[in-house]
Amino acid sequence: MMSERSHKKTPQLRFSTPASFPEKILDPGEEIRVHQRPHIAGLVWPTIRAIIYISLGFFILGLTSALAAGVTRTIVRIAFGVLLFLLLWRRVLVPIAQWMGSAMVVTSHRIIFRSGIFRKETLSVSLAWTQLVEVDQSFMGRMLGYGTVRVSSYELGGLQFDQIPEPHAVETEIRRGVTEMQQALPNRGCPPIPGEFADPYQDPRLY
């Protein structure tokens, strides 16, 4: 069961929608409350790698200039160019594409995680089945305002969303949504009790 934090001031969300969300996947009456892309800090390492790889490329290109013009120099440059391209693709372009295609969405009914650019994968967890929500922030995360949001649910077990901006504000929205969903169930105020039912779908209070 979700616990309230009445002794703390409720943080205010200041998020910008990273991209239009397809309303066709929403249920009737469902509204979006949080739509967050991973924090821009997730682009730091791909950017550093790109600078290193490109700098290394120019350096080695200069070294190959010392070779006599001919087939050998051409083969060396082509081989290094292919290697550089593979490094940039795997260690720079793919992480950036993953960052651009990922989003965490909290609606009035569920938590949704979307990933992918050309092929979208969507994973959703009903707020009614959410047991616990936690936030973990490193020192750098506290400095820059991002963290990991962990959600435990009856449906899918433990889920983890990394580098989420304003994680405590997102946590508050999830808790608010869970409370509203639990109050909307029969026998108001009686959410599922962890461990009471081997199969939560057999809990008679949910029907």
N, C-alpha and C. Protein backbone atom coordinates (compact mmCIF):
# COMPACT_ATOMS: atom_id res chain seq x y z
N MET A 1 0.85 -1.19 0.00
CA MET A 1 0.00 0.00 0.00
C MET A 1 0.88 1.23 0.00
N MET A 2 0.48 2.26 -0.73
CA MET A 2 1.27 3.46 -0.83
C MET A 2 1.11 4.28 0.42
N SER A 3 2.16 4.87 0.92
CA SER A 3 2.10 5.70 2.12
C SER A 3 2.13 7.16 1.72
N GLU A 4 1.40 8.02 2.46
CA GLU A 4 1.36 9.44 2.18
C GLU A 4 2.49 10.14 2.91
N ARG A 5 2.95 11.28 2.37
CA ARG A 5 4.00 12.07 2.98
C ARG A 5 3.44 13.45 3.30
N SER A 6 2.58 13.50 4.28
CA SER A 6 1.88 14.73 4.58
C SER A 6 2.80 15.77 5.22
N HIS A 7 3.95 15.32 5.78
CA HIS A 7 4.82 16.24 6.46
C HIS A 7 5.76 16.96 5.52
N LYS A 8 5.74 16.60 4.23
CA LYS A 8 6.61 17.24 3.25
C LYS A 8 5.79 18.10 2.30
N LYS A 9 6.41 19.18 1.86
CA LYS A 9 5.76 20.03 0.89
C LYS A 9 5.70 19.31 -0.45
N THR A 10 4.55 19.33 -1.08
CA THR A 10 4.39 18.64 -2.37
C THR A 10 5.17 19.38 -3.45
N PRO A 11 6.11 18.70 -4.11
CA PRO A 11 6.87 19.37 -5.17
C PRO A 11 6.01 19.62 -6.38
N GLN A 12 6.33 20.69 -7.11
CA GLN A 12 5.57 21.04 -8.29
C GLN A 12 6.29 20.56 -9.55
N LEU A 13 5.55 19.91 -10.42
CA LEU A 13 6.13 19.43 -11.67
C LEU A 13 6.29 20.59 -12.64
N ARG A 14 7.46 20.66 -13.25
CA ARG A 14 7.73 21.66 -14.28
C ARG A 14 8.32 20.92 -15.47
N PHE A 15 7.52 20.08 -16.10
CA PHE A 15 8.05 19.27 -17.19
C PHE A 15 7.50 19.76 -18.52
N SER A 16 8.25 19.49 -19.56
CA SER A 16 7.80 19.79 -20.91
C SER A 16 7.58 18.49 -21.66
N THR A 17 6.50 18.43 -22.39
CA THR A 17 6.20 17.21 -23.14
C THR A 17 7.22 17.01 -24.24
N PRO A 18 8.00 15.91 -24.22
CA PRO A 18 9.05 15.72 -25.20
C PRO A 18 8.54 15.46 -26.60
N ALA A 19 7.38 14.93 -26.72
CA ALA A 19 6.81 14.64 -28.04
C ALA A 19 5.33 14.39 -27.85
N SER A 20 4.59 14.50 -28.93
CA SER A 20 3.16 14.24 -28.84
C SER A 20 2.93 12.79 -28.46
N PHE A 21 2.00 12.58 -27.56
CA PHE A 21 1.71 11.23 -27.10
C PHE A 21 0.49 10.72 -27.84
N PRO A 22 0.55 9.50 -28.40
CA PRO A 22 -0.58 8.97 -29.17
C PRO A 22 -1.79 8.71 -28.28
N GLU A 23 -2.79 9.55 -28.41
CA GLU A 23 -3.97 9.43 -27.55
C GLU A 23 -4.77 8.16 -27.83
N LYS A 24 -4.51 7.52 -28.98
CA LYS A 24 -5.27 6.32 -29.31
C LYS A 24 -4.97 5.17 -28.36
N ILE A 25 -3.84 5.22 -27.65
CA ILE A 25 -3.53 4.14 -26.72
C ILE A 25 -4.08 4.43 -25.32
N LEU A 26 -4.71 5.60 -25.14
CA LEU A 26 -5.31 5.93 -23.85
C LEU A 26 -6.72 5.39 -23.77
N ASP A 27 -7.13 5.05 -22.55
CA ASP A 27 -8.49 4.61 -22.32
C ASP A 27 -9.42 5.83 -22.25
N PRO A 28 -10.72 5.61 -22.46
CA PRO A 28 -11.67 6.73 -22.32
C PRO A 28 -11.58 7.35 -20.93
N GLY A 29 -11.47 8.66 -20.88
CA GLY A 29 -11.39 9.36 -19.60
C GLY A 29 -10.00 9.41 -18.99
N GLU A 30 -9.03 8.75 -19.63
CA GLU A 30 -7.66 8.73 -19.10
C GLU A 30 -6.93 10.00 -19.53
N GLU A 31 -6.25 10.63 -18.59
CA GLU A 31 -5.53 11.86 -18.90
C GLU A 31 -4.06 11.74 -18.53
N ILE A 32 -3.21 12.42 -19.29
CA ILE A 32 -1.77 12.40 -19.04
C ILE A 32 -1.42 13.43 -17.97
N ARG A 33 -0.66 13.00 -16.97
CA ARG A 33 -0.23 13.89 -15.89
C ARG A 33 1.27 14.15 -15.92
N VAL A 34 2.03 13.19 -16.36
CA VAL A 34 3.48 13.36 -16.49
C VAL A 34 3.92 12.74 -17.81
N HIS A 35 4.75 13.45 -18.54
CA HIS A 35 5.31 12.91 -19.78
C HIS A 35 6.76 13.36 -19.82
N GLN A 36 7.67 12.50 -19.42
CA GLN A 36 9.06 12.88 -19.26
C GLN A 36 9.99 12.02 -20.12
N ARG A 37 10.90 12.69 -20.79
CA ARG A 37 12.03 12.01 -21.44
C ARG A 37 13.16 11.93 -20.41
N PRO A 38 14.05 10.94 -20.52
CA PRO A 38 15.19 10.89 -19.60
C PRO A 38 15.95 12.21 -19.58
N HIS A 39 16.56 12.50 -18.44
CA HIS A 39 17.30 13.76 -18.26
C HIS A 39 18.40 13.89 -19.31
N ILE A 40 18.69 15.13 -19.67
CA ILE A 40 19.70 15.39 -20.69
C ILE A 40 21.09 14.93 -20.26
N ALA A 41 21.25 14.65 -18.96
CA ALA A 41 22.53 14.11 -18.48
C ALA A 41 22.85 12.78 -19.14
N GLY A 42 21.82 12.09 -19.65
CA GLY A 42 22.04 10.83 -20.34
C GLY A 42 22.80 10.98 -21.65
N LEU A 43 22.94 12.23 -22.13
CA LEU A 43 23.67 12.47 -23.37
C LEU A 43 25.13 12.85 -23.13
N VAL A 44 25.52 12.98 -21.86
CA VAL A 44 26.88 13.44 -21.56
C VAL A 44 27.92 12.45 -22.08
N TRP A 45 27.79 11.17 -21.70
CA TRP A 45 28.79 10.19 -22.12
C TRP A 45 28.82 9.97 -23.63
N PRO A 46 27.68 9.86 -24.32
CA PRO A 46 27.75 9.76 -25.78
C PRO A 46 28.45 10.95 -26.42
N THR A 47 28.23 12.14 -25.86
CA THR A 47 28.89 13.33 -26.41
C THR A 47 30.40 13.27 -26.19
N ILE A 48 30.81 12.86 -24.99
CA ILE A 48 32.24 12.75 -24.70
C ILE A 48 32.89 11.71 -25.60
N ARG A 49 32.21 10.57 -25.78
CA ARG A 49 32.75 9.54 -26.67
C ARG A 49 32.90 10.05 -28.10
N ALA A 50 31.90 10.80 -28.57
CA ALA A 50 31.96 11.33 -29.94
C ALA A 50 33.17 12.24 -30.11
N ILE A 51 33.42 13.09 -29.13
CA ILE A 51 34.56 14.00 -29.20
C ILE A 51 35.87 13.21 -29.22
N ILE A 52 35.96 12.19 -28.35
CA ILE A 52 37.18 11.39 -28.29
C ILE A 52 37.41 10.63 -29.58
N TYR A 53 36.35 9.97 -30.10
CA TYR A 53 36.51 9.16 -31.30
C TYR A 53 36.87 10.01 -32.51
N ILE A 54 36.21 11.17 -32.65
CA ILE A 54 36.49 12.02 -33.80
C ILE A 54 37.90 12.61 -33.71
N SER A 55 38.29 13.01 -32.50
CA SER A 55 39.66 13.53 -32.31
C SER A 55 40.69 12.46 -32.63
N LEU A 56 40.42 11.25 -32.16
CA LEU A 56 41.31 10.14 -32.46
C LEU A 56 41.37 9.86 -33.95
N GLY A 57 40.23 10.02 -34.61
CA GLY A 57 40.19 9.80 -36.05
C GLY A 57 41.08 10.77 -36.81
N PHE A 58 41.02 12.05 -36.46
CA PHE A 58 41.88 13.04 -37.11
C PHE A 58 43.35 12.78 -36.81
N PHE A 59 43.62 12.34 -35.56
CA PHE A 59 45.00 12.06 -35.18
C PHE A 59 45.58 10.91 -36.01
N ILE A 60 44.82 9.83 -36.11
CA ILE A 60 45.31 8.68 -36.87
C ILE A 60 45.35 8.99 -38.36
N LEU A 61 44.42 9.82 -38.84
CA LEU A 61 44.45 10.23 -40.24
C LEU A 61 45.75 10.97 -40.54
N GLY A 62 46.19 11.79 -39.57
CA GLY A 62 47.46 12.49 -39.74
C GLY A 62 48.64 11.54 -39.76
N LEU A 63 48.56 10.49 -38.92
CA LEU A 63 49.65 9.51 -38.90
C LEU A 63 49.75 8.75 -40.21
N THR A 64 48.61 8.44 -40.79
CA THR A 64 48.64 7.68 -42.05
C THR A 64 49.20 8.51 -43.20
N SER A 65 49.23 9.83 -43.03
CA SER A 65 49.78 10.67 -44.08
C SER A 65 51.28 10.42 -44.27
N ALA A 66 51.90 9.86 -43.21
CA ALA A 66 53.33 9.57 -43.29
C ALA A 66 53.60 8.35 -44.16
N LEU A 67 52.57 7.54 -44.39
CA LEU A 67 52.75 6.37 -45.23
C LEU A 67 52.85 6.79 -46.70
N ALA A 68 53.57 6.00 -47.44
CA ALA A 68 53.68 6.29 -48.86
C ALA A 68 52.33 6.14 -49.53
N ALA A 69 52.07 7.07 -50.43
CA ALA A 69 50.80 7.01 -51.16
C ALA A 69 50.71 5.71 -51.94
N GLY A 70 49.54 5.08 -51.82
CA GLY A 70 49.36 3.82 -52.53
C GLY A 70 48.30 2.97 -51.88
N VAL A 71 48.32 1.70 -52.23
CA VAL A 71 47.30 0.78 -51.76
C VAL A 71 47.34 0.62 -50.25
N THR A 72 48.52 0.55 -49.67
CA THR A 72 48.64 0.32 -48.23
C THR A 72 47.98 1.43 -47.44
N ARG A 73 48.28 2.68 -47.79
CA ARG A 73 47.68 3.81 -47.07
C ARG A 73 46.16 3.83 -47.26
N THR A 74 45.71 3.51 -48.44
CA THR A 74 44.26 3.49 -48.70
C THR A 74 43.57 2.43 -47.86
N ILE A 75 44.17 1.23 -47.79
CA ILE A 75 43.57 0.14 -47.01
C ILE A 75 43.53 0.50 -45.54
N VAL A 76 44.62 1.09 -45.01
CA VAL A 76 44.68 1.48 -43.60
C VAL A 76 43.59 2.51 -43.30
N ARG A 77 43.44 3.49 -44.17
CA ARG A 77 42.43 4.53 -43.93
C ARG A 77 41.01 3.97 -44.01
N ILE A 78 40.78 3.08 -44.97
CA ILE A 78 39.45 2.48 -45.08
C ILE A 78 39.14 1.63 -43.85
N ALA A 79 40.13 0.82 -43.43
CA ALA A 79 39.91 -0.04 -42.26
C ALA A 79 39.63 0.79 -41.02
N PHE A 80 40.42 1.86 -40.83
CA PHE A 80 40.19 2.70 -39.66
C PHE A 80 38.86 3.44 -39.77
N GLY A 81 38.50 3.86 -40.99
CA GLY A 81 37.22 4.55 -41.17
C GLY A 81 36.04 3.66 -40.81
N VAL A 82 36.12 2.39 -41.20
CA VAL A 82 35.05 1.44 -40.87
C VAL A 82 34.98 1.24 -39.35
N LEU A 83 36.15 1.09 -38.72
CA LEU A 83 36.19 0.91 -37.27
C LEU A 83 35.63 2.13 -36.55
N LEU A 84 35.99 3.31 -37.02
CA LEU A 84 35.49 4.54 -36.40
C LEU A 84 33.98 4.65 -36.55
N PHE A 85 33.48 4.30 -37.73
CA PHE A 85 32.03 4.35 -37.96
C PHE A 85 31.30 3.39 -37.02
N LEU A 86 31.82 2.18 -36.86
CA LEU A 86 31.18 1.20 -35.97
C LEU A 86 31.18 1.69 -34.52
N LEU A 87 32.29 2.30 -34.09
CA LEU A 87 32.36 2.83 -32.73
C LEU A 87 31.34 3.96 -32.54
N LEU A 88 31.28 4.87 -33.51
CA LEU A 88 30.33 5.97 -33.40
C LEU A 88 28.89 5.46 -33.41
N TRP A 89 28.64 4.45 -34.23
CA TRP A 89 27.28 3.89 -34.30
C TRP A 89 26.88 3.23 -32.99
N ARG A 90 27.76 2.38 -32.47
CA ARG A 90 27.41 1.59 -31.29
C ARG A 90 27.46 2.39 -30.00
N ARG A 91 28.47 3.26 -29.87
CA ARG A 91 28.68 3.94 -28.59
C ARG A 91 28.15 5.36 -28.54
N VAL A 92 27.74 5.90 -29.69
CA VAL A 92 27.25 7.29 -29.71
C VAL A 92 25.83 7.37 -30.28
N LEU A 93 25.64 6.93 -31.52
CA LEU A 93 24.35 7.10 -32.18
C LEU A 93 23.25 6.27 -31.55
N VAL A 94 23.57 5.01 -31.21
CA VAL A 94 22.54 4.15 -30.60
C VAL A 94 22.08 4.69 -29.25
N PRO A 95 23.00 5.07 -28.32
CA PRO A 95 22.53 5.65 -27.05
C PRO A 95 21.71 6.93 -27.23
N ILE A 96 22.11 7.77 -28.20
CA ILE A 96 21.34 8.99 -28.43
C ILE A 96 19.94 8.66 -28.95
N ALA A 97 19.86 7.69 -29.87
CA ALA A 97 18.55 7.27 -30.39
C ALA A 97 17.68 6.68 -29.29
N GLN A 98 18.29 5.89 -28.39
CA GLN A 98 17.55 5.33 -27.27
C GLN A 98 17.04 6.42 -26.35
N TRP A 99 17.85 7.44 -26.12
CA TRP A 99 17.43 8.57 -25.29
C TRP A 99 16.26 9.30 -25.93
N MET A 100 16.37 9.56 -27.22
CA MET A 100 15.32 10.30 -27.92
C MET A 100 14.01 9.52 -27.97
N GLY A 101 14.11 8.19 -28.03
CA GLY A 101 12.91 7.38 -28.18
C GLY A 101 12.29 6.92 -26.88
N SER A 102 12.90 7.26 -25.74
CA SER A 102 12.40 6.79 -24.44
C SER A 102 11.57 7.87 -23.76
N ALA A 103 10.54 7.44 -23.07
CA ALA A 103 9.70 8.38 -22.32
C ALA A 103 8.96 7.63 -21.23
N MET A 104 8.82 8.30 -20.09
CA MET A 104 8.00 7.77 -19.00
C MET A 104 6.74 8.62 -18.91
N VAL A 105 5.60 7.97 -18.92
CA VAL A 105 4.32 8.66 -18.90
C VAL A 105 3.51 8.16 -17.70
N VAL A 106 2.99 9.10 -16.93
CA VAL A 106 2.08 8.76 -15.84
C VAL A 106 0.72 9.36 -16.18
N THR A 107 -0.28 8.51 -16.28
CA THR A 107 -1.63 8.98 -16.55
C THR A 107 -2.48 8.83 -15.29
N SER A 108 -3.73 9.16 -15.41
CA SER A 108 -4.62 9.01 -14.27
C SER A 108 -4.92 7.55 -13.96
N HIS A 109 -4.53 6.61 -14.86
CA HIS A 109 -4.83 5.19 -14.67
C HIS A 109 -3.60 4.31 -14.55
N ARG A 110 -2.47 4.70 -15.14
CA ARG A 110 -1.34 3.78 -15.21
C ARG A 110 -0.02 4.51 -15.42
N ILE A 111 1.04 3.72 -15.34
CA ILE A 111 2.39 4.20 -15.64
C ILE A 111 2.81 3.53 -16.95
N ILE A 112 3.30 4.31 -17.89
CA ILE A 112 3.66 3.81 -19.21
C ILE A 112 5.12 4.13 -19.49
N PHE A 113 5.85 3.14 -19.98
CA PHE A 113 7.22 3.36 -20.43
C PHE A 113 7.29 3.03 -21.91
N ARG A 114 7.71 4.00 -22.71
CA ARG A 114 7.81 3.82 -24.16
C ARG A 114 9.27 3.93 -24.59
N SER A 115 9.68 3.08 -25.51
CA SER A 115 11.05 3.12 -26.01
C SER A 115 11.06 2.76 -27.49
N GLY A 116 12.09 3.22 -28.19
CA GLY A 116 12.23 2.92 -29.60
C GLY A 116 11.97 4.12 -30.48
N ILE A 117 12.62 4.15 -31.65
CA ILE A 117 12.43 5.22 -32.62
C ILE A 117 11.53 4.75 -33.76
N PHE A 118 11.97 3.76 -34.49
CA PHE A 118 11.18 3.26 -35.63
C PHE A 118 10.15 2.22 -35.18
N ARG A 119 10.52 1.46 -34.17
CA ARG A 119 9.61 0.46 -33.62
C ARG A 119 9.39 0.76 -32.15
N LYS A 120 8.20 1.21 -31.81
CA LYS A 120 7.89 1.60 -30.45
C LYS A 120 7.47 0.40 -29.62
N GLU A 121 8.06 0.29 -28.42
CA GLU A 121 7.66 -0.72 -27.46
C GLU A 121 7.04 -0.01 -26.26
N THR A 122 5.89 -0.48 -25.84
CA THR A 122 5.17 0.16 -24.74
C THR A 122 4.92 -0.84 -23.63
N LEU A 123 5.28 -0.44 -22.40
CA LEU A 123 5.05 -1.26 -21.22
C LEU A 123 4.25 -0.42 -20.24
N SER A 124 3.13 -0.96 -19.77
CA SER A 124 2.28 -0.18 -18.88
C SER A 124 1.92 -0.98 -17.63
N VAL A 125 1.77 -0.26 -16.53
CA VAL A 125 1.41 -0.85 -15.24
C VAL A 125 0.25 -0.06 -14.67
N SER A 126 -0.82 -0.75 -14.31
CA SER A 126 -1.97 -0.08 -13.72
C SER A 126 -1.63 0.47 -12.35
N LEU A 127 -2.06 1.69 -12.08
CA LEU A 127 -1.84 2.29 -10.76
C LEU A 127 -2.57 1.52 -9.67
N ALA A 128 -3.66 0.85 -10.06
CA ALA A 128 -4.43 0.09 -9.07
C ALA A 128 -3.63 -1.08 -8.51
N TRP A 129 -2.62 -1.57 -9.26
CA TRP A 129 -1.83 -2.72 -8.83
C TRP A 129 -0.45 -2.32 -8.32
N THR A 130 -0.24 -1.04 -8.14
CA THR A 130 1.06 -0.56 -7.68
C THR A 130 1.17 -0.72 -6.17
N GLN A 131 2.27 -1.31 -5.72
CA GLN A 131 2.50 -1.54 -4.30
C GLN A 131 3.40 -0.49 -3.68
N LEU A 132 4.46 -0.12 -4.40
CA LEU A 132 5.49 0.72 -3.80
C LEU A 132 6.17 1.55 -4.88
N VAL A 133 6.51 2.77 -4.54
CA VAL A 133 7.28 3.63 -5.44
C VAL A 133 8.43 4.24 -4.64
N GLU A 134 9.63 4.17 -5.19
CA GLU A 134 10.81 4.67 -4.51
C GLU A 134 11.63 5.53 -5.47
N VAL A 135 12.41 6.43 -4.90
CA VAL A 135 13.30 7.28 -5.68
C VAL A 135 14.72 7.11 -5.15
N ASP A 136 15.64 6.92 -6.07
CA ASP A 136 17.06 6.80 -5.72
C ASP A 136 17.83 7.85 -6.51
N GLN A 137 18.59 8.69 -5.80
CA GLN A 137 19.37 9.74 -6.44
C GLN A 137 20.82 9.67 -6.01
N SER A 138 21.72 9.69 -6.96
CA SER A 138 23.14 9.79 -6.66
C SER A 138 23.46 11.25 -6.32
N PHE A 139 24.70 11.49 -5.92
CA PHE A 139 25.11 12.86 -5.62
C PHE A 139 24.95 13.74 -6.86
N MET A 140 25.39 13.23 -8.01
CA MET A 140 25.25 13.99 -9.25
C MET A 140 23.79 14.18 -9.61
N GLY A 141 22.97 13.16 -9.35
CA GLY A 141 21.55 13.27 -9.63
C GLY A 141 20.89 14.36 -8.80
N ARG A 142 21.29 14.48 -7.53
CA ARG A 142 20.73 15.55 -6.68
C ARG A 142 21.19 16.91 -7.17
N MET A 143 22.40 17.00 -7.68
CA MET A 143 22.92 18.27 -8.17
C MET A 143 22.19 18.71 -9.45
N LEU A 144 21.91 17.77 -10.32
CA LEU A 144 21.34 18.10 -11.63
C LEU A 144 19.83 17.90 -11.69
N GLY A 145 19.26 17.28 -10.67
CA GLY A 145 17.80 17.15 -10.63
C GLY A 145 17.24 15.96 -11.37
N TYR A 146 17.92 14.81 -11.30
CA TYR A 146 17.37 13.60 -11.90
C TYR A 146 17.62 12.42 -10.96
N GLY A 147 16.94 11.32 -11.22
CA GLY A 147 17.10 10.15 -10.37
C GLY A 147 16.41 8.94 -10.96
N THR A 148 16.49 7.84 -10.24
CA THR A 148 15.86 6.58 -10.65
C THR A 148 14.56 6.40 -9.90
N VAL A 149 13.50 6.11 -10.63
CA VAL A 149 12.19 5.84 -10.03
C VAL A 149 11.94 4.34 -10.13
N ARG A 150 11.75 3.70 -8.98
CA ARG A 150 11.46 2.26 -8.94
C ARG A 150 10.01 2.05 -8.52
N VAL A 151 9.34 1.19 -9.26
CA VAL A 151 7.93 0.89 -9.01
C VAL A 151 7.77 -0.61 -8.83
N SER A 152 7.12 -1.02 -7.76
CA SER A 152 6.79 -2.43 -7.54
C SER A 152 5.29 -2.60 -7.75
N SER A 153 4.94 -3.63 -8.53
CA SER A 153 3.53 -3.85 -8.83
C SER A 153 3.21 -5.33 -8.78
N TYR A 154 1.93 -5.63 -8.59
CA TYR A 154 1.47 -7.02 -8.63
C TYR A 154 1.58 -7.59 -10.04
N GLU A 155 1.45 -6.73 -11.05
CA GLU A 155 1.38 -7.19 -12.44
C GLU A 155 2.73 -7.66 -12.97
N LEU A 156 3.75 -6.80 -12.82
CA LEU A 156 5.04 -7.06 -13.47
C LEU A 156 6.22 -7.09 -12.51
N GLY A 157 5.95 -7.06 -11.22
CA GLY A 157 7.05 -7.07 -10.25
C GLY A 157 7.72 -5.71 -10.18
N GLY A 158 9.06 -5.70 -10.13
CA GLY A 158 9.78 -4.45 -9.99
C GLY A 158 10.16 -3.86 -11.34
N LEU A 159 9.92 -2.57 -11.49
CA LEU A 159 10.30 -1.83 -12.69
C LEU A 159 11.19 -0.67 -12.29
N GLN A 160 12.09 -0.30 -13.18
CA GLN A 160 13.03 0.77 -12.89
C GLN A 160 13.11 1.73 -14.07
N PHE A 161 12.97 3.02 -13.77
CA PHE A 161 13.05 4.06 -14.78
C PHE A 161 14.22 4.96 -14.41
N ASP A 162 15.25 4.98 -15.24
CA ASP A 162 16.49 5.68 -14.93
C ASP A 162 16.51 7.10 -15.47
N GLN A 163 17.26 7.96 -14.78
CA GLN A 163 17.53 9.34 -15.20
C GLN A 163 16.24 10.11 -15.49
N ILE A 164 15.28 10.02 -14.57
CA ILE A 164 14.02 10.73 -14.72
C ILE A 164 14.16 12.13 -14.11
N PRO A 165 13.86 13.19 -14.85
CA PRO A 165 13.92 14.54 -14.26
C PRO A 165 12.89 14.71 -13.15
N GLU A 166 13.24 15.47 -12.13
CA GLU A 166 12.37 15.76 -11.00
C GLU A 166 11.69 14.49 -10.48
N PRO A 167 12.49 13.51 -10.05
CA PRO A 167 11.92 12.21 -9.69
C PRO A 167 10.95 12.26 -8.50
N HIS A 168 11.20 13.15 -7.54
CA HIS A 168 10.30 13.23 -6.39
C HIS A 168 8.93 13.78 -6.78
N ALA A 169 8.91 14.71 -7.74
CA ALA A 169 7.64 15.21 -8.24
C ALA A 169 6.88 14.11 -8.99
N VAL A 170 7.62 13.30 -9.75
CA VAL A 170 7.00 12.16 -10.45
C VAL A 170 6.47 11.16 -9.43
N GLU A 171 7.25 10.91 -8.38
CA GLU A 171 6.81 10.00 -7.31
C GLU A 171 5.51 10.49 -6.69
N THR A 172 5.42 11.80 -6.45
CA THR A 172 4.20 12.36 -5.86
C THR A 172 3.00 12.16 -6.77
N GLU A 173 3.19 12.34 -8.07
CA GLU A 173 2.09 12.14 -9.02
C GLU A 173 1.64 10.68 -9.04
N ILE A 174 2.61 9.76 -8.96
CA ILE A 174 2.25 8.34 -8.94
C ILE A 174 1.48 8.01 -7.69
N ARG A 175 1.94 8.50 -6.54
CA ARG A 175 1.24 8.24 -5.27
C ARG A 175 -0.17 8.81 -5.30
N ARG A 176 -0.31 9.99 -5.85
CA ARG A 176 -1.64 10.60 -5.94
C ARG A 176 -2.55 9.75 -6.82
N GLY A 177 -2.01 9.28 -7.95
CA GLY A 177 -2.81 8.45 -8.83
C GLY A 177 -3.20 7.13 -8.20
N VAL A 178 -2.27 6.53 -7.44
CA VAL A 178 -2.56 5.26 -6.75
C VAL A 178 -3.67 5.46 -5.73
N THR A 179 -3.58 6.55 -4.97
CA THR A 179 -4.61 6.83 -3.96
C THR A 179 -5.98 7.00 -4.62
N GLU A 180 -6.01 7.72 -5.72
CA GLU A 180 -7.29 7.93 -6.41
C GLU A 180 -7.85 6.62 -6.96
N MET A 181 -6.98 5.77 -7.51
CA MET A 181 -7.44 4.50 -8.04
C MET A 181 -7.94 3.58 -6.93
N GLN A 182 -7.23 3.58 -5.80
CA GLN A 182 -7.65 2.73 -4.69
C GLN A 182 -8.98 3.19 -4.11
N GLN A 183 -9.18 4.50 -4.05
CA GLN A 183 -10.44 5.03 -3.53
C GLN A 183 -11.60 4.77 -4.48
N ALA A 184 -11.29 4.57 -5.76
CA ALA A 184 -12.33 4.30 -6.73
C ALA A 184 -12.77 2.85 -6.72
N LEU A 185 -12.00 1.96 -6.04
CA LEU A 185 -12.35 0.55 -5.98
C LEU A 185 -13.53 0.33 -5.03
N PRO A 186 -14.23 -0.81 -5.15
CA PRO A 186 -15.25 -1.15 -4.16
C PRO A 186 -14.63 -1.21 -2.78
N ASN A 187 -15.47 -0.94 -1.75
CA ASN A 187 -14.98 -0.87 -0.37
C ASN A 187 -13.88 0.19 -0.29
N ARG A 188 -14.28 1.43 -0.49
CA ARG A 188 -13.34 2.54 -0.55
C ARG A 188 -12.35 2.49 0.61
N GLY A 189 -11.10 2.82 0.26
CA GLY A 189 -10.07 2.87 1.29
C GLY A 189 -9.51 1.52 1.65
N CYS A 190 -9.85 0.45 0.93
CA CYS A 190 -9.34 -0.89 1.23
C CYS A 190 -8.53 -1.42 0.06
N PRO A 191 -7.31 -0.95 -0.11
CA PRO A 191 -6.47 -1.44 -1.20
C PRO A 191 -6.00 -2.84 -0.95
N PRO A 192 -5.46 -3.52 -1.97
CA PRO A 192 -4.95 -4.88 -1.77
C PRO A 192 -3.88 -4.92 -0.70
N ILE A 193 -3.90 -5.92 0.13
CA ILE A 193 -2.90 -6.08 1.18
C ILE A 193 -1.81 -7.01 0.67
N PRO A 194 -0.55 -6.52 0.57
CA PRO A 194 0.53 -7.37 0.05
C PRO A 194 0.65 -8.66 0.85
N GLY A 195 0.69 -9.78 0.13
CA GLY A 195 0.90 -11.06 0.78
C GLY A 195 -0.36 -11.74 1.26
N GLU A 196 -1.49 -11.02 1.27
CA GLU A 196 -2.72 -11.63 1.77
C GLU A 196 -3.27 -12.63 0.78
N PHE A 197 -3.10 -12.35 -0.51
CA PHE A 197 -3.61 -13.23 -1.55
C PHE A 197 -2.44 -13.72 -2.38
N ALA A 198 -2.37 -15.02 -2.60
CA ALA A 198 -1.30 -15.55 -3.45
C ALA A 198 -1.43 -15.00 -4.86
N ASP A 199 -2.66 -14.87 -5.32
CA ASP A 199 -2.93 -14.28 -6.63
C ASP A 199 -3.77 -13.03 -6.41
N PRO A 200 -3.22 -11.81 -6.63
CA PRO A 200 -3.96 -10.60 -6.36
C PRO A 200 -5.24 -10.48 -7.17
N TYR A 201 -5.32 -11.17 -8.30
CA TYR A 201 -6.52 -11.09 -9.11
C TYR A 201 -7.68 -11.84 -8.46
N GLN A 202 -7.41 -12.61 -7.38
CA GLN A 202 -8.47 -13.29 -6.66
C GLN A 202 -8.99 -12.44 -5.50
N ASP A 203 -8.39 -11.27 -5.31
CA ASP A 203 -8.84 -10.38 -4.21
C ASP A 203 -10.26 -9.94 -4.48
N PRO A 204 -11.25 -10.37 -3.69
CA PRO A 204 -12.65 -10.04 -3.97
C PRO A 204 -12.95 -8.56 -3.85
N ARG A 205 -12.09 -7.79 -3.15
CA ARG A 205 -12.38 -6.39 -2.99
C ARG A 205 -12.16 -5.58 -4.26
N LEU A 206 -11.51 -6.21 -5.28
CA LEU A 206 -11.21 -5.50 -6.51
C LEU A 206 -12.30 -5.67 -7.54
N TYR A 207 -13.38 -6.36 -7.19
CA TYR A 207 -14.42 -6.64 -8.18
C TYR A 207 -15.80 -6.25 -7.61
